[in-house]
Amino acid sequence: MWRRRANTPSGTSRGVNTEQPVLTLRVGSHLDPGIRRKDRPNEDTLLVSQGIMPSASASTLSKPFALLIVADGMGGQAHGQEASRLAVQSLADYVSGSVGSQPRKPEDLLPLLTAGVQYANQLVYRHNREQRDEMGTTMTAALVMDTTAYVAHVGDSRLYLYRHHTGLGQITRDHSVVAGLLAAGVIESEDIYTHPMRNRLYRSLGEKASIEVDGSTVPLAAGDLLLLCSDGLWEMVRDQQIAAILTTPRPHPAETAHALVQAAVAGGGKDNVSVIVAQVSKV
């Protein structure tokens, strides 16, 4: 849990920091190998990391941040697991090491996050060249600070935003063949779950020396829910059911994450399932 704090200037020439909680972020996560892959290495990796960005001066406050990452590895045997773990740890070290050690302007955070994904890609690609492997991974990451989520994305793991007035919306765009066919009007939306090329990606980490990373910013408000997940969730559980589970009152987002994973397992559990749920509240 973290709180965003605001400064209140005093009547003197030097400002006085007064803690004013504005938003609280509560995060829960859950991961399951699924039914069909329970005896094989889990290729999904998720990470929830929280830290503090130091203040720029004595008159400003340090700011809490949260880094949320989901990655779905590919490569067979243990290679997919190795790829997702390497990518997630690389991104976490890159971003948390930078943001946690020096103050950053808001406009610098999205470029920093996307650069971190590109750095992770380089490490996975370098491993493939040195070891003659063909492992790869998706990556969806959100860096949350103040009232904004900075999002970087490659592959078909997803980030959703649920907002009461607008419902569930997919923020990221799948870098998959079926998503391209759907956008071109060649197939219908339901076909993405059954199409023979549904698992084929045209963009993932580790395949090339450089990677194009989708980046976006999402303004947050009290009551919002962020959901990061691998395709093991959204292929087994349709968006309408995901929204219903997200909005069912539970004591903590960890229980919501567990309920989503259980729904994916009950729906067939064909793949590894990883879920992060972040609840934005006003204090």
Protein backbone atom coordinates (compact mmCIF):
# COMPACT_ATOMS: atom_id res chain seq x y z
CA MET A 1 0.00 0.00 0.00
CA TRP A 2 1.20 3.49 -0.71
CA ARG A 3 -0.12 6.99 -0.43
CA ARG A 4 0.51 10.06 -2.55
CA ARG A 5 1.34 13.06 -0.42
CA ALA A 6 0.91 16.74 -1.26
CA ASN A 7 2.81 19.81 -0.05
CA THR A 8 1.12 22.63 1.83
CA PRO A 9 3.13 25.88 1.90
CA SER A 10 3.40 27.70 5.21
CA GLY A 11 3.23 31.43 5.77
CA THR A 12 7.01 31.65 5.91
CA SER A 13 9.41 31.82 3.01
CA ARG A 14 10.23 28.13 3.38
CA GLY A 15 7.53 25.54 2.65
CA VAL A 16 6.50 23.01 5.25
CA ASN A 17 5.63 19.49 4.17
CA THR A 18 2.23 18.39 5.42
CA GLU A 19 1.14 14.85 4.71
CA GLN A 20 -2.18 14.78 2.89
CA PRO A 21 -3.11 11.29 1.71
CA VAL A 22 -4.77 11.53 -1.69
CA LEU A 23 -4.69 8.07 -3.25
CA THR A 24 -3.97 4.67 -1.80
CA LEU A 25 -2.92 1.74 -3.98
CA ARG A 26 -3.57 -1.78 -2.73
CA VAL A 27 -2.13 -4.60 -4.83
CA GLY A 28 -2.73 -8.34 -4.90
CA SER A 29 -1.35 -11.02 -7.21
CA HIS A 30 -1.71 -14.70 -7.91
CA LEU A 31 -0.06 -17.21 -10.23
CA ASP A 32 -1.01 -20.79 -11.15
CA PRO A 33 0.54 -23.28 -13.60
CA GLY A 34 -2.90 -24.27 -14.90
CA ILE A 35 -4.21 -27.78 -15.43
CA ARG A 36 -2.50 -28.83 -18.64
CA ARG A 37 0.92 -27.48 -17.68
CA LYS A 38 1.03 -28.27 -13.98
CA ASP A 39 3.88 -30.76 -14.47
CA ARG A 40 6.01 -28.43 -16.58
CA PRO A 41 8.03 -25.31 -15.68
CA ASN A 42 5.79 -22.28 -15.20
CA GLU A 43 6.65 -19.85 -17.98
CA ASP A 44 4.81 -16.89 -16.41
CA THR A 45 6.59 -14.46 -14.12
CA LEU A 46 5.01 -11.59 -12.23
CA LEU A 47 6.42 -8.92 -9.96
CA VAL A 48 4.99 -6.34 -7.58
CA SER A 49 7.58 -3.89 -6.32
CA GLN A 50 7.10 -0.72 -4.29
CA GLY A 51 9.61 1.99 -3.49
CA ILE A 52 10.18 5.67 -2.80
CA MET A 53 11.53 8.24 -5.25
CA PRO A 54 13.70 10.71 -3.31
CA SER A 55 12.71 14.37 -3.16
CA ALA A 56 14.32 16.91 -5.45
CA SER A 57 14.84 19.43 -2.63
CA ALA A 58 14.25 20.01 1.05
CA SER A 59 10.94 21.72 0.30
CA THR A 60 9.44 18.79 -1.59
CA LEU A 61 8.38 15.35 -0.45
CA SER A 62 9.61 11.99 -1.60
CA LYS A 63 7.06 10.09 -3.68
CA PRO A 64 6.03 6.45 -3.41
CA PHE A 65 5.80 4.36 -6.56
CA ALA A 66 4.70 0.88 -7.53
CA LEU A 67 6.08 -1.25 -10.36
CA LEU A 68 3.79 -4.02 -11.65
CA ILE A 69 5.01 -6.53 -14.26
CA VAL A 70 3.59 -9.61 -15.97
CA ALA A 71 5.63 -11.64 -18.47
CA ASP A 72 4.75 -14.84 -20.34
CA GLY A 73 7.77 -16.77 -21.55
CA MET A 74 8.13 -18.88 -24.68
CA GLY A 75 10.67 -21.44 -25.79
CA GLY A 76 9.70 -24.84 -24.46
CA GLN A 77 11.21 -26.89 -21.63
CA ALA A 78 12.60 -24.40 -19.10
CA HIS A 79 13.57 -21.75 -21.67
CA GLY A 80 10.29 -19.82 -21.43
CA GLN A 81 10.58 -19.66 -17.68
CA GLU A 82 14.16 -18.44 -17.93
CA ALA A 83 13.22 -15.77 -20.49
CA SER A 84 10.36 -14.30 -18.46
CA ARG A 85 12.37 -14.31 -15.23
CA LEU A 86 15.37 -12.68 -16.87
CA ALA A 87 13.23 -10.00 -18.51
CA VAL A 88 11.25 -9.18 -15.36
CA GLN A 89 14.30 -8.96 -13.12
CA SER A 90 16.15 -6.85 -15.68
CA LEU A 91 13.28 -4.38 -15.99
CA ALA A 92 12.80 -4.20 -12.22
CA ASP A 93 16.49 -3.48 -11.64
CA TYR A 94 16.55 -0.88 -14.41
CA VAL A 95 13.46 1.06 -13.31
CA SER A 96 13.55 0.70 -9.53
CA GLY A 97 17.28 1.38 -9.45
CA SER A 98 16.79 4.61 -11.35
CA VAL A 99 13.57 5.92 -9.81
CA GLY A 100 14.57 4.88 -6.31
CA SER A 101 17.95 6.60 -6.44
CA GLN A 102 17.19 10.02 -7.92
CA PRO A 103 14.20 12.32 -8.49
CA ARG A 104 12.52 12.13 -11.89
CA LYS A 105 10.17 14.49 -13.65
CA PRO A 106 6.76 13.05 -14.61
CA GLU A 107 7.54 13.44 -18.31
CA ASP A 108 10.64 11.25 -17.87
CA LEU A 109 8.87 8.23 -16.41
CA LEU A 110 7.30 6.71 -19.53
CA PRO A 111 10.54 6.98 -21.57
CA LEU A 112 12.37 5.41 -18.62
CA LEU A 113 9.94 2.50 -18.47
CA THR A 114 10.05 1.82 -22.21
CA ALA A 115 13.84 2.04 -22.16
CA GLY A 116 13.80 -0.55 -19.37
CA VAL A 117 11.78 -2.94 -21.55
CA GLN A 118 14.23 -2.39 -24.41
CA TYR A 119 17.08 -3.16 -22.00
CA ALA A 120 15.35 -6.38 -20.94
CA ASN A 121 14.95 -7.31 -24.60
CA GLN A 122 18.67 -6.82 -25.18
CA LEU A 123 19.55 -9.16 -22.34
CA VAL A 124 17.20 -11.91 -23.55
CA TYR A 125 18.44 -11.45 -27.13
CA ARG A 126 22.06 -11.58 -26.00
CA HIS A 127 21.37 -14.80 -24.10
CA ASN A 128 19.85 -16.33 -27.23
CA ARG A 129 22.91 -15.44 -29.30
CA GLU A 130 25.37 -16.71 -26.71
CA GLN A 131 23.52 -19.92 -25.85
CA ARG A 132 21.99 -20.49 -29.30
CA ASP A 133 18.53 -20.56 -27.75
CA GLU A 134 15.26 -19.27 -29.14
CA MET A 135 13.55 -18.22 -25.94
CA GLY A 136 11.36 -15.15 -25.72
CA THR A 137 8.72 -13.49 -23.59
CA THR A 138 5.88 -11.02 -23.55
CA MET A 139 6.01 -8.11 -21.13
CA THR A 140 3.38 -5.77 -19.75
CA ALA A 141 4.45 -3.29 -17.08
CA ALA A 142 2.86 -0.40 -15.21
CA LEU A 143 4.79 2.17 -13.18
CA VAL A 144 2.29 3.91 -10.90
CA MET A 145 3.17 7.25 -9.32
CA ASP A 146 0.95 10.07 -8.08
CA THR A 147 -2.28 9.76 -10.09
CA THR A 148 -0.82 8.22 -13.25
CA ALA A 149 0.00 4.72 -14.48
CA TYR A 150 2.81 4.68 -17.04
CA VAL A 151 2.42 1.58 -19.22
CA ALA A 152 4.91 -0.27 -21.45
CA HIS A 153 3.88 -3.31 -23.42
CA VAL A 154 5.13 -6.00 -25.85
CA GLY A 155 3.22 -9.16 -26.78
CA ASP A 156 -0.24 -10.38 -25.76
CA SER A 157 -0.21 -10.14 -21.99
CA ARG A 158 -2.66 -7.40 -21.16
CA LEU A 159 -3.42 -4.41 -18.98
CA TYR A 160 -7.07 -3.57 -18.33
CA LEU A 161 -8.60 -0.59 -16.57
CA TYR A 162 -11.95 -0.94 -14.85
CA ARG A 163 -13.75 2.32 -14.09
CA HIS A 164 -17.26 2.44 -12.71
CA HIS A 165 -18.74 4.77 -15.34
CA THR A 166 -17.07 3.19 -18.37
CA GLY A 167 -16.66 -0.45 -17.39
CA LEU A 168 -13.75 -2.71 -18.34
CA GLY A 169 -11.42 -1.48 -21.06
CA GLN A 170 -8.31 -3.06 -22.55
CA ILE A 171 -5.48 -0.51 -22.47
CA THR A 172 -2.82 -2.53 -24.28
CA ARG A 173 -3.00 -3.81 -27.84
CA ASP A 174 -2.12 -7.45 -28.51
CA HIS A 175 0.85 -7.93 -30.83
CA SER A 176 -0.59 -11.12 -32.26
CA VAL A 177 -1.65 -12.37 -35.66
CA VAL A 178 -5.29 -12.76 -34.60
CA ALA A 179 -5.41 -9.23 -33.20
CA GLY A 180 -4.22 -7.98 -36.59
CA LEU A 181 -6.86 -10.04 -38.37
CA LEU A 182 -9.53 -8.68 -36.04
CA ALA A 183 -8.42 -5.09 -36.60
CA ALA A 184 -8.54 -5.68 -40.37
CA GLY A 185 -12.07 -7.06 -40.14
CA VAL A 186 -11.04 -10.51 -41.36
CA ILE A 187 -12.30 -12.33 -38.26
CA GLU A 188 -14.88 -11.64 -35.54
CA SER A 189 -13.98 -10.84 -31.93
CA GLU A 190 -14.96 -14.33 -30.70
CA ASP A 191 -12.62 -15.93 -33.25
CA ILE A 192 -9.53 -14.81 -31.34
CA TYR A 193 -10.18 -17.58 -28.80
CA THR A 194 -10.36 -20.43 -31.34
CA HIS A 195 -8.36 -19.34 -34.40
CA PRO A 196 -5.51 -21.77 -35.26
CA MET A 197 -3.01 -18.87 -35.19
CA ARG A 198 -4.23 -17.41 -31.90
CA ASN A 199 -0.93 -18.04 -30.11
CA ARG A 200 1.33 -16.59 -32.79
CA LEU A 201 2.96 -13.27 -31.92
CA TYR A 202 4.59 -10.86 -34.31
CA ARG A 203 6.37 -8.96 -31.53
CA SER A 204 8.07 -10.34 -28.41
CA LEU A 205 11.24 -9.86 -26.37
CA GLY A 206 14.36 -11.77 -27.37
CA GLU A 207 13.75 -12.23 -31.08
CA LYS A 208 15.61 -9.16 -32.36
CA ALA A 209 18.34 -6.89 -31.05
CA SER A 210 15.91 -3.98 -30.77
CA ILE A 211 12.20 -3.96 -30.05
CA GLU A 212 9.38 -1.49 -30.54
CA VAL A 213 7.63 -0.91 -27.22
CA ASP A 214 4.09 0.43 -26.94
CA GLY A 215 3.91 3.15 -24.29
CA SER A 216 0.93 4.99 -22.83
CA THR A 217 -0.18 6.94 -19.77
CA VAL A 218 -3.37 6.24 -17.86
CA PRO A 219 -4.74 8.93 -15.50
CA LEU A 220 -6.07 7.29 -12.35
CA ALA A 221 -8.95 8.17 -10.07
CA ALA A 222 -10.36 6.76 -6.85
CA GLY A 223 -12.32 3.60 -7.53
CA ASP A 224 -10.22 2.52 -10.51
CA LEU A 225 -8.96 -1.05 -10.81
CA LEU A 226 -5.89 -2.03 -12.83
CA LEU A 227 -5.57 -5.62 -14.03
CA LEU A 228 -2.37 -7.03 -15.52
CA CYS A 229 -2.59 -10.62 -16.76
CA SER A 230 -1.12 -13.22 -19.08
CA ASP A 231 -3.16 -14.81 -21.86
CA GLY A 232 -3.81 -17.73 -19.53
CA LEU A 233 -6.50 -15.56 -17.97
CA TRP A 234 -8.16 -13.75 -20.84
CA GLU A 235 -8.24 -16.79 -23.15
CA MET A 236 -10.13 -18.78 -20.50
CA VAL A 237 -12.29 -16.01 -19.01
CA ARG A 238 -14.24 -13.56 -21.17
CA ASP A 239 -14.17 -9.85 -20.41
CA GLN A 240 -17.72 -9.80 -19.05
CA GLN A 241 -16.84 -12.40 -16.42
CA ILE A 242 -13.55 -10.66 -15.64
CA ALA A 243 -15.47 -7.44 -14.95
CA ALA A 244 -17.95 -9.30 -12.73
CA ILE A 245 -15.14 -10.82 -10.65
CA LEU A 246 -13.29 -7.51 -10.38
CA THR A 247 -16.38 -5.74 -9.07
CA THR A 248 -17.42 -8.38 -6.56
CA PRO A 249 -16.59 -6.88 -3.13
CA ARG A 250 -13.71 -8.64 -1.40
CA PRO A 251 -11.53 -7.61 1.57
CA HIS A 252 -8.31 -7.33 -0.48
CA PRO A 253 -7.21 -7.34 -4.16
CA ALA A 254 -5.23 -10.53 -3.44
CA GLU A 255 -8.53 -12.34 -3.07
CA THR A 256 -9.78 -10.84 -6.33
CA ALA A 257 -6.60 -12.00 -8.09
CA HIS A 258 -7.10 -15.49 -6.67
CA ALA A 259 -10.73 -15.56 -7.85
CA LEU A 260 -9.69 -14.58 -11.38
CA VAL A 261 -7.09 -17.35 -11.50
CA GLN A 262 -9.59 -19.88 -10.19
CA ALA A 263 -12.03 -18.85 -12.92
CA ALA A 264 -9.33 -19.46 -15.55
CA VAL A 265 -8.60 -22.90 -14.11
CA ALA A 266 -12.31 -23.72 -13.99
CA GLY A 267 -12.61 -22.56 -17.60
CA GLY A 268 -10.08 -25.13 -18.76
CA GLY A 269 -6.72 -24.04 -17.34
CA LYS A 270 -4.97 -24.63 -20.64
CA ASP A 271 -2.06 -22.31 -19.87
CA ASN A 272 -0.14 -20.75 -17.00
CA VAL A 273 -2.18 -17.98 -15.39
CA SER A 274 -0.75 -14.84 -13.78
CA VAL A 275 -2.76 -11.92 -12.45
CA ILE A 276 -2.04 -8.61 -10.70
CA VAL A 277 -4.94 -6.51 -9.39
CA ALA A 278 -4.32 -2.94 -8.18
CA GLN A 279 -7.10 -1.05 -6.43
CA VAL A 280 -6.99 2.75 -6.36
CA SER A 281 -8.75 4.35 -3.40
CA LYS A 282 -9.16 7.80 -1.92
CA VAL A 283 -8.22 8.12 1.72
